Every structure is written in structure tokens, then in C-alpha cells.
Protein backbone atom coordinates (compact mmCIF):
# COMPACT_ATOMS: atom_id res chain seq x y z
CA MET A 1 20.17 56.29 207.10
CA ILE A 2 19.56 54.34 210.21
CA GLU A 3 21.26 52.76 213.01
CA ILE A 4 19.85 49.18 214.25
CA LEU A 5 20.13 49.35 217.99
CA GLY A 6 18.69 46.04 218.70
CA ILE A 7 15.86 43.76 218.72
CA THR A 8 13.38 43.12 221.81
CA LYS A 9 12.85 39.36 221.40
CA THR A 10 16.31 38.27 222.25
CA TRP A 11 18.68 39.61 225.13
CA PHE A 12 22.23 38.75 224.36
CA GLY A 13 22.70 38.90 228.17
CA GLY A 14 20.85 42.36 228.75
CA ALA A 15 18.02 41.39 230.56
CA ASN A 16 17.39 43.67 233.29
CA LYS A 17 14.55 41.41 235.06
CA VAL A 18 14.58 37.15 235.30
CA TYR A 19 11.08 35.58 236.24
CA PRO A 20 10.73 32.88 238.09
CA GLU A 21 8.97 29.71 236.52
CA GLN A 22 5.61 31.16 235.08
CA ILE A 23 2.17 29.41 234.07
CA GLN A 24 1.29 29.97 230.64
CA VAL A 25 -2.40 30.04 229.91
CA SER A 26 -3.19 29.37 226.28
CA SER A 27 -6.03 30.96 224.48
CA SER A 28 -8.01 27.80 225.34
CA GLY A 29 -7.33 27.73 228.43
CA LYS A 30 -4.72 25.05 228.91
CA GLU A 31 -2.12 25.53 231.56
CA SER A 32 1.67 24.76 231.34
CA ARG A 33 4.57 25.66 233.41
CA VAL A 34 7.21 27.48 231.45
CA THR A 35 10.15 30.06 231.36
CA LYS A 36 9.40 31.78 228.24
CA LEU A 37 9.25 35.15 229.86
CA ASN A 38 12.75 35.36 230.10
CA ASP A 39 13.28 35.14 226.12
CA GLY A 40 12.26 38.97 225.45
CA ALA A 41 10.09 41.92 226.27
CA VAL A 42 6.87 41.73 228.17
CA LEU A 43 3.80 43.63 229.03
CA TRP A 44 2.09 43.52 232.29
CA HIS A 45 -1.85 43.69 232.48
CA ASN A 46 -3.96 44.64 235.57
CA GLU A 47 -6.60 42.12 234.35
CA MET A 48 -6.58 38.67 232.91
CA PRO A 49 -6.20 38.93 229.22
CA GLU A 50 -9.07 37.64 226.86
CA ASN A 51 -8.67 35.42 223.70
CA GLU A 52 -4.75 35.35 223.74
CA THR A 53 -1.86 33.36 225.61
CA TYR A 54 -0.79 34.77 229.03
CA TYR A 55 1.47 34.06 231.52
CA ILE A 56 0.94 34.19 235.27
CA VAL A 57 3.86 35.08 237.40
CA GLU A 58 3.35 35.82 241.37
CA GLY A 59 -0.42 36.73 240.76
CA ARG A 60 0.30 39.12 237.96
CA TYR A 61 -0.68 38.86 234.12
CA TYR A 62 1.63 39.30 231.57
CA THR A 63 2.01 38.93 227.85
CA GLN A 64 4.98 38.68 225.24
CA VAL A 65 5.13 41.19 222.80
CA TYR A 66 6.20 40.25 219.34
CA ALA A 67 10.11 40.94 218.21
CA ARG A 68 10.59 44.61 217.09
CA VAL A 69 13.96 46.29 215.39
CA ILE A 70 14.93 49.13 217.27
CA ILE A 71 16.39 51.86 215.10
CA ARG A 72 17.64 55.51 215.34
CA TYR A 73 17.49 57.82 212.04
CA LEU A 74 21.09 59.15 211.62
CA LYS A 75 20.13 61.51 208.82
CA ASN A 76 17.04 62.66 207.42
CA THR A 77 17.65 60.99 203.82
CA PHE A 78 14.28 59.33 203.39
CA ASN A 79 13.88 58.64 199.80
CA LYS A 80 10.61 57.15 198.43
CA GLN A 81 12.48 56.00 195.09
CA THR A 82 15.28 53.77 197.04
CA CYS A 83 13.05 53.02 200.09
CA VAL A 84 12.35 49.24 200.54
CA CYS A 85 9.56 49.13 203.24
């Protein structure tokens, strides 16, 4: 059994950092002003990411991560016959 604790792509008011306006740079190099980093979890990069969309905020590089469901196992009752994976 599991308990669903949350999802990373939506905050429901639980964000602990709000980013100012960002510059979104697409994988083709096109730049746009957006506020998308406030939609969910992000990763900070030491260097400019290559071949993917990234965001620039105050000279730092960020990428968004895919939505993930955060769960906690309640019991060790894993059964391959009933598991829908």
C-alpha cells in the first residue's frame, strides 16, 4: 500500500521560492520572457544547458523537471499479481 504525498508540477500554494520574470531559451535559441519557473520544481545548473529549453534568472541557469508523484510505502505488501505498474 502507498500514500500519495503530492506532485511536483503543482504547488497548491506550497512554493517556497517565487522567481521573478525569466528569460526562456528554447532548444533552437529563441528567447521569450516568461514566469514558468513558478509552476513547479526546477534544477539549477552551473553551466548553460545544451539541446534543451532552459531559463535564465539573475544570471543563473535553470531547467524545469517533469511532474513526479511523491509516494510513501505504508506496508511491504508488494504483490506482482495485483500490481498495475
